[in-house]
Amino acid sequence: MKICLLFCLGVSLFGGLSACAATSPAGDPAALPHPAPAVTTTATAVQPADAASRPVAKRSAGATPAPDLGPAGFAVELQRSGCYGRCPSYRLRLDGDGTVRYFGERFVAVPGEQHGTVSSDVVAELRAQLRQPPYAALRGRYTPDDPRCGAAATDMASVRITITDAGQQRQIDHDLGCSDAPPALRALAAAIDAAAGSNRWVEEARE
């Protein structure tokens, strides 16, 4: 016959009953303590609090690309218009690879479209000149309607130059009758003519 003994043990610091336990005789298996199950702990790496919100570094959309210094990034165009007399009228384009395209209009030895080539050294030399003073500062209009023209003679020829270099383009309009226009304008047009070899098709004196 099993005898159960119920007793309360432990008095709290305040004098009260703190715990009660039911026990069985020593021979009762139910009275034997059971070992606590093993607990497996997995270590988890803790990320900084702001790691998830930290932006991924990206290249700025407005970043300036490296300039194109190859032949494909360079071209210069020259157009000469007629005057009251026999000023040659033609236009030409010199590309960075040395290709020359010419179209003769009036008072030229060879009218119509022509093609030619010049050496890469000639193009490189012209390109270097256009980046240096005084040519680098030339841009805009030097025409009778611009204050930079000064007093203007009428019925004079005009020149338009368009330079494309490393993604940048500038255009220069020059009326040869402008008295205050810088002398470098005429020298610039002459340098382009010389580099392109336009004389092989024009063969006439120019203003």
C-alpha atoms as a PDB file:
ATOM      1  CA  MET A   1       0.000   0.000   0.000  1.00  0.00           C
ATOM      2  CA  LYS A   2       1.432   3.270  -1.052  1.00  0.00           C
ATOM      3  CA  ILE A   3       1.634   6.015   1.431  1.00  0.00           C
ATOM      4  CA  CYS A   4       1.607   9.522   0.086  1.00  0.00           C
ATOM      5  CA  LEU A   5       3.044  12.238   2.122  1.00  0.00           C
ATOM      6  CA  LEU A   6       2.161  15.775   1.199  1.00  0.00           C
ATOM      7  CA  PHE A   7       4.242  18.501   2.702  1.00  0.00           C
ATOM      8  CA  CYS A   8       5.134  22.058   2.026  1.00  0.00           C
ATOM      9  CA  LEU A   9       8.638  23.284   2.299  1.00  0.00           C
ATOM     10  CA  GLY A  10      10.294  26.631   2.212  1.00  0.00           C
ATOM     11  CA  VAL A  11       9.339  29.828   3.811  1.00  0.00           C
ATOM     12  CA  SER A  12       9.766  33.037   1.802  1.00  0.00           C
ATOM     13  CA  LEU A  13      11.707  35.952   3.140  1.00  0.00           C
ATOM     14  CA  PHE A  14       8.409  37.518   4.131  1.00  0.00           C
ATOM     15  CA  GLY A  15       7.404  34.468   6.146  1.00  0.00           C
ATOM     16  CA  GLY A  16       4.935  33.073   3.666  1.00  0.00           C
ATOM     17  CA  LEU A  17       4.579  29.655   2.128  1.00  0.00           C
ATOM     18  CA  SER A  18       6.668  29.607  -1.082  1.00  0.00           C
ATOM     19  CA  ALA A  19       6.482  26.136  -2.599  1.00  0.00           C
ATOM     20  CA  CYS A  20       4.747  22.824  -2.205  1.00  0.00           C
ATOM     21  CA  ALA A  21       5.837  19.479  -3.566  1.00  0.00           C
ATOM     22  CA  ALA A  22       4.213  16.054  -3.763  1.00  0.00           C
ATOM     23  CA  THR A  23       6.630  13.194  -3.202  1.00  0.00           C
ATOM     24  CA  SER A  24       6.372   9.410  -3.438  1.00  0.00           C
ATOM     25  CA  PRO A  25       8.314   6.837  -1.579  1.00  0.00           C
ATOM     26  CA  ALA A  26      11.881   6.235  -2.652  1.00  0.00           C
ATOM     27  CA  GLY A  27      10.921   3.099  -4.450  1.00  0.00           C
ATOM     28  CA  ASP A  28       8.399   4.793  -6.683  1.00  0.00           C
ATOM     29  CA  PRO A  29       9.849   5.470 -10.169  1.00  0.00           C
ATOM     30  CA  ALA A  30       7.674   8.527 -10.482  1.00  0.00           C
ATOM     31  CA  ALA A  31       9.628  10.098  -7.697  1.00  0.00           C
ATOM     32  CA  LEU A  32      12.938   9.855  -9.552  1.00  0.00           C
ATOM     33  CA  PRO A  33      14.065  13.093 -11.174  1.00  0.00           C
ATOM     34  CA  HIS A  34      14.358  13.066 -14.965  1.00  0.00           C
ATOM     35  CA  PRO A  35      17.316  14.783 -16.617  1.00  0.00           C
ATOM     36  CA  ALA A  36      16.466  17.962 -18.520  1.00  0.00           C
ATOM     37  CA  PRO A  37      16.605  17.539 -22.317  1.00  0.00           C
ATOM     38  CA  ALA A  38      19.743  18.850 -23.979  1.00  0.00           C
ATOM     39  CA  VAL A  39      19.290  22.220 -25.620  1.00  0.00           C
ATOM     40  CA  THR A  40      21.196  22.923 -28.835  1.00  0.00           C
ATOM     41  CA  THR A  41      22.105  26.575 -29.431  1.00  0.00           C
ATOM     42  CA  THR A  42      22.957  27.807 -32.928  1.00  0.00           C
ATOM     43  CA  ALA A  43      25.108  30.922 -33.137  1.00  0.00           C
ATOM     44  CA  THR A  44      23.716  33.566 -35.517  1.00  0.00           C
ATOM     45  CA  ALA A  45      25.880  36.363 -36.842  1.00  0.00           C
ATOM     46  CA  VAL A  46      24.460  39.691 -35.834  1.00  0.00           C
ATOM     47  CA  GLN A  47      24.502  42.364 -38.559  1.00  0.00           C
ATOM     48  CA  PRO A  48      24.974  46.012 -37.686  1.00  0.00           C
ATOM     49  CA  ALA A  49      21.695  47.814 -37.200  1.00  0.00           C
ATOM     50  CA  ASP A  50      22.180  49.946 -40.276  1.00  0.00           C
ATOM     51  CA  ALA A  51      23.504  47.226 -42.603  1.00  0.00           C
ATOM     52  CA  ALA A  52      20.171  46.591 -44.298  1.00  0.00           C
ATOM     53  CA  SER A  53      19.547  50.253 -44.884  1.00  0.00           C
ATOM     54  CA  ARG A  54      23.048  51.052 -46.121  1.00  0.00           C
ATOM     55  CA  PRO A  55      22.842  52.024 -49.843  1.00  0.00           C
ATOM     56  CA  VAL A  56      24.871  50.144 -52.410  1.00  0.00           C
ATOM     57  CA  ALA A  57      27.554  52.344 -53.937  1.00  0.00           C
ATOM     58  CA  LYS A  58      26.735  53.225 -57.522  1.00  0.00           C
ATOM     59  CA  ARG A  59      28.434  55.326 -60.182  1.00  0.00           C
ATOM     60  CA  SER A  60      26.838  58.711 -60.453  1.00  0.00           C
ATOM     61  CA  ALA A  61      24.578  59.017 -63.494  1.00  0.00           C
ATOM     62  CA  GLY A  62      25.976  62.465 -64.139  1.00  0.00           C
ATOM     63  CA  ALA A  63      29.620  61.378 -64.143  1.00  0.00           C
ATOM     64  CA  THR A  64      31.601  62.855 -66.985  1.00  0.00           C
ATOM     65  CA  PRO A  65      32.915  60.172 -69.338  1.00  0.00           C
ATOM     66  CA  ALA A  66      36.559  60.216 -70.371  1.00  0.00           C
ATOM     67  CA  PRO A  67      37.066  62.316 -73.488  1.00  0.00           C
ATOM     68  CA  ASP A  68      37.400  60.488 -76.788  1.00  0.00           C
ATOM     69  CA  LEU A  69      40.896  61.219 -78.029  1.00  0.00           C
ATOM     70  CA  GLY A  70      40.753  58.760 -80.936  1.00  0.00           C
ATOM     71  CA  PRO A  71      40.353  59.668 -84.603  1.00  0.00           C
ATOM     72  CA  ALA A  72      36.602  59.057 -84.494  1.00  0.00           C
ATOM     73  CA  GLY A  73      36.210  61.916 -82.019  1.00  0.00           C
ATOM     74  CA  PHE A  74      37.529  64.597 -84.342  1.00  0.00           C
ATOM     75  CA  ALA A  75      36.237  66.360 -87.461  1.00  0.00           C
ATOM     76  CA  VAL A  76      36.518  69.852 -88.897  1.00  0.00           C
ATOM     77  CA  GLU A  77      34.329  71.446 -91.574  1.00  0.00           C
ATOM     78  CA  LEU A  78      35.104  74.527 -93.637  1.00  0.00           C
ATOM     79  CA  GLN A  79      32.679  76.388 -95.870  1.00  0.00           C
ATOM     80  CA  ARG A  80      33.631  79.404 -97.957  1.00  0.00           C
ATOM     81  CA  SER A  81      30.889  81.488 -99.555  1.00  0.00           C
ATOM     82  CA  GLY A  82      31.215  83.728-102.579  1.00  0.00           C
ATOM     83  CA  CYS A  83      31.679  87.452-102.731  1.00  0.00           C
ATOM     84  CA  TYR A  84      30.845  90.168-105.273  1.00  0.00           C
ATOM     85  CA  GLY A  85      33.840  89.073-107.366  1.00  0.00           C
ATOM     86  CA  ARG A  86      35.334  85.672-108.126  1.00  0.00           C
ATOM     87  CA  CYS A  87      35.817  84.327-104.630  1.00  0.00           C
ATOM     88  CA  PRO A  88      35.850  80.484-104.616  1.00  0.00           C
ATOM     89  CA  SER A  89      32.793  78.860-103.103  1.00  0.00           C
ATOM     90  CA  TYR A  90      33.196  75.334-101.711  1.00  0.00           C
ATOM     91  CA  ARG A  91      32.870  73.265 -98.583  1.00  0.00           C
ATOM     92  CA  LEU A  92      34.966  70.447 -97.194  1.00  0.00           C
ATOM     93  CA  ARG A  93      35.179  68.114 -94.238  1.00  0.00           C
ATOM     94  CA  LEU A  94      38.305  66.570 -92.749  1.00  0.00           C
ATOM     95  CA  ASP A  95      37.755  63.583 -90.435  1.00  0.00           C
ATOM     96  CA  GLY A  96      40.076  62.262 -87.777  1.00  0.00           C
ATOM     97  CA  ASP A  97      41.086  59.265 -89.892  1.00  0.00           C
ATOM     98  CA  GLY A  98      42.389  61.548 -92.639  1.00  0.00           C
ATOM     99  CA  THR A  99      39.384  61.298 -94.960  1.00  0.00           C
ATOM    100  CA  VAL A 100      38.626  64.482 -96.906  1.00  0.00           C
ATOM    101  CA  ARG A 101      35.266  65.176 -98.552  1.00  0.00           C
ATOM    102  CA  TYR A 102      35.037  68.209-100.795  1.00  0.00           C
ATOM    103  CA  PHE A 103      32.265  69.825-102.789  1.00  0.00           C
ATOM    104  CA  GLY A 104      33.116  72.632-105.203  1.00  0.00           C
ATOM    105  CA  GLU A 105      30.413  75.180-106.045  1.00  0.00           C
ATOM    106  CA  ARG A 106      31.659  78.290-107.909  1.00  0.00           C
ATOM    107  CA  PHE A 107      34.949  79.648-109.169  1.00  0.00           C
ATOM    108  CA  VAL A 108      36.908  76.489-108.382  1.00  0.00           C
ATOM    109  CA  ALA A 109      39.035  74.335-110.657  1.00  0.00           C
ATOM    110  CA  VAL A 110      37.148  71.148-109.822  1.00  0.00           C
ATOM    111  CA  PRO A 111      33.411  71.548-109.164  1.00  0.00           C
ATOM    112  CA  GLY A 112      31.239  68.896-107.583  1.00  0.00           C
ATOM    113  CA  GLU A 113      32.044  66.194-105.059  1.00  0.00           C
ATOM    114  CA  GLN A 114      35.562  64.854-104.570  1.00  0.00           C
ATOM    115  CA  HIS A 115      37.235  62.564-102.049  1.00  0.00           C
ATOM    116  CA  GLY A 116      40.797  62.370-100.817  1.00  0.00           C
ATOM    117  CA  THR A 117      42.974  61.433 -97.853  1.00  0.00           C
ATOM    118  CA  VAL A 118      45.770  62.974 -95.816  1.00  0.00           C
ATOM    119  CA  SER A 119      48.150  61.383 -93.354  1.00  0.00           C
ATOM    120  CA  SER A 120      47.240  60.881 -89.705  1.00  0.00           C
ATOM    121  CA  ASP A 121      50.220  63.044 -88.705  1.00  0.00           C
ATOM    122  CA  VAL A 122      48.745  66.008 -90.580  1.00  0.00           C
ATOM    123  CA  VAL A 123      45.409  65.557 -88.803  1.00  0.00           C
ATOM    124  CA  ALA A 124      47.080  65.205 -85.404  1.00  0.00           C
ATOM    125  CA  GLU A 125      49.061  68.392 -85.956  1.00  0.00           C
ATOM    126  CA  LEU A 126      45.947  70.353 -86.945  1.00  0.00           C
ATOM    127  CA  ARG A 127      44.036  68.988 -83.978  1.00  0.00           C
ATOM    128  CA  ALA A 128      46.802  70.074 -81.619  1.00  0.00           C
ATOM    129  CA  GLN A 129      46.804  73.572 -83.150  1.00  0.00           C
ATOM    130  CA  LEU A 130      43.047  73.947 -82.692  1.00  0.00           C
ATOM    131  CA  ARG A 131      43.416  73.220 -78.965  1.00  0.00           C
ATOM    132  CA  GLN A 132      46.043  75.914 -78.428  1.00  0.00           C
ATOM    133  CA  PRO A 133      45.930  79.720 -78.484  1.00  0.00           C
ATOM    134  CA  PRO A 134      44.991  81.666 -80.443  1.00  0.00           C
ATOM    135  CA  TYR A 135      42.688  79.156 -82.187  1.00  0.00           C
ATOM    136  CA  ALA A 136      41.209  77.626 -79.023  1.00  0.00           C
ATOM    137  CA  ALA A 137      39.559  80.924 -78.040  1.00  0.00           C
ATOM    138  CA  LEU A 138      37.789  81.478 -81.380  1.00  0.00           C
ATOM    139  CA  ARG A 139      34.055  80.807 -81.342  1.00  0.00           C
ATOM    140  CA  GLY A 140      30.763  82.443 -82.187  1.00  0.00           C
ATOM    141  CA  ARG A 141      30.078  85.063 -84.834  1.00  0.00           C
ATOM    142  CA  TYR A 142      32.349  87.714 -86.246  1.00  0.00           C
ATOM    143  CA  THR A 143      29.766  89.220 -88.566  1.00  0.00           C
ATOM    144  CA  PRO A 144      28.395  92.747 -89.181  1.00  0.00           C
ATOM    145  CA  ASP A 145      25.569  92.179 -86.687  1.00  0.00           C
ATOM    146  CA  ASP A 146      28.045  91.400 -83.881  1.00  0.00           C
ATOM    147  CA  PRO A 147      29.954  94.102 -81.928  1.00  0.00           C
ATOM    148  CA  ARG A 148      33.213  92.211 -82.376  1.00  0.00           C
ATOM    149  CA  CYS A 149      33.075  92.863 -86.125  1.00  0.00           C
ATOM    150  CA  GLY A 150      33.762  96.591 -86.015  1.00  0.00           C
ATOM    151  CA  ALA A 151      33.356  98.487 -89.261  1.00  0.00           C
ATOM    152  CA  ALA A 152      32.389  96.092 -92.055  1.00  0.00           C
ATOM    153  CA  ALA A 153      33.166  96.226 -95.735  1.00  0.00           C
ATOM    154  CA  THR A 154      30.299  95.060 -97.929  1.00  0.00           C
ATOM    155  CA  ASP A 155      30.210  92.267-100.518  1.00  0.00           C
ATOM    156  CA  MET A 156      33.026  90.302 -98.901  1.00  0.00           C
ATOM    157  CA  ALA A 157      33.306  86.530 -98.707  1.00  0.00           C
ATOM    158  CA  SER A 158      32.459  84.690 -95.502  1.00  0.00           C
ATOM    159  CA  VAL A 159      33.768  81.557 -93.821  1.00  0.00           C
ATOM    160  CA  ARG A 160      32.052  79.084 -91.536  1.00  0.00           C
ATOM    161  CA  ILE A 161      34.129  76.644 -89.504  1.00  0.00           C
ATOM    162  CA  THR A 162      32.705  73.808 -87.395  1.00  0.00           C
ATOM    163  CA  ILE A 163      35.044  71.884 -85.119  1.00  0.00           C
ATOM    164  CA  THR A 164      34.093  68.658 -83.339  1.00  0.00           C
ATOM    165  CA  ASP A 165      36.630  67.397 -80.824  1.00  0.00           C
ATOM    166  CA  ALA A 166      36.142  64.808 -78.071  1.00  0.00           C
ATOM    167  CA  GLY A 167      32.361  65.272 -77.992  1.00  0.00           C
ATOM    168  CA  GLN A 168      32.506  69.080 -77.939  1.00  0.00           C
ATOM    169  CA  GLN A 169      31.464  71.201 -80.912  1.00  0.00           C
ATOM    170  CA  ARG A 170      32.044  74.867 -81.690  1.00  0.00           C
ATOM    171  CA  GLN A 171      31.090  76.922 -84.706  1.00  0.00           C
ATOM    172  CA  ILE A 172      32.758  80.073 -85.978  1.00  0.00           C
ATOM    173  CA  ASP A 173      31.212  82.452 -88.517  1.00  0.00           C
ATOM    174  CA  HIS A 174      33.564  85.022 -90.009  1.00  0.00           C
ATOM    175  CA  ASP A 175      32.693  87.776 -92.450  1.00  0.00           C
ATOM    176  CA  LEU A 176      35.968  88.717 -94.080  1.00  0.00           C
ATOM    177  CA  GLY A 177      34.827  92.332 -94.235  1.00  0.00           C
ATOM    178  CA  CYS A 178      34.914  92.777 -90.424  1.00  0.00           C
ATOM    179  CA  SER A 179      37.721  95.190 -89.594  1.00  0.00           C
ATOM    180  CA  ASP A 180      38.036  94.247 -85.906  1.00  0.00           C
ATOM    181  CA  ALA A 181      37.953  90.471 -86.332  1.00  0.00           C
ATOM    182  CA  PRO A 182      41.113  88.818 -84.962  1.00  0.00           C
ATOM    183  CA  PRO A 183      43.739  87.925 -87.589  1.00  0.00           C
ATOM    184  CA  ALA A 184      43.737  84.380 -86.227  1.00  0.00           C
ATOM    185  CA  LEU A 185      40.407  83.769 -88.002  1.00  0.00           C
ATOM    186  CA  ARG A 186      41.985  83.972 -91.433  1.00  0.00           C
ATOM    187  CA  ALA A 187      44.956  81.928 -90.244  1.00  0.00           C
ATOM    188  CA  LEU A 188      42.623  79.247 -88.889  1.00  0.00           C
ATOM    189  CA  ALA A 189      40.788  78.848 -92.204  1.00  0.00           C
ATOM    190  CA  ALA A 190      44.098  78.737 -94.061  1.00  0.00           C
ATOM    191  CA  ALA A 191      45.406  76.031 -91.695  1.00  0.00           C
ATOM    192  CA  ILE A 192      42.338  73.857 -92.376  1.00  0.00           C
ATOM    193  CA  ASP A 193      42.688  74.330 -96.125  1.00  0.00           C
ATOM    194  CA  ALA A 194      46.360  73.363 -95.941  1.00  0.00           C
ATOM    195  CA  ALA A 195      45.710  70.255 -93.832  1.00  0.00           C
ATOM    196  CA  ALA A 196      42.897  69.055 -96.109  1.00  0.00           C
ATOM    197  CA  GLY A 197      44.854  69.839 -99.281  1.00  0.00           C
ATOM    198  CA  SER A 198      41.962  71.769-100.782  1.00  0.00           C
ATOM    199  CA  ASN A 199      44.228  73.501-103.294  1.00  0.00           C
ATOM    200  CA  ARG A 200      44.244  70.347-105.445  1.00  0.00           C
ATOM    201  CA  TRP A 201      40.601  71.086-106.260  1.00  0.00           C
ATOM    202  CA  VAL A 202      40.364  74.849-105.821  1.00  0.00           C
ATOM    203  CA  GLU A 203      43.580  76.147-107.376  1.00  0.00           C
ATOM    204  CA  GLU A 204      42.488  79.759-107.127  1.00  0.00           C
ATOM    205  CA  ALA A 205      43.544  82.562-104.857  1.00  0.00           C
ATOM    206  CA  ARG A 206      41.226  83.108-101.895  1.00  0.00           C
ATOM    207  CA  GLU A 207      40.456  86.218 -99.905  1.00  0.00           C
END
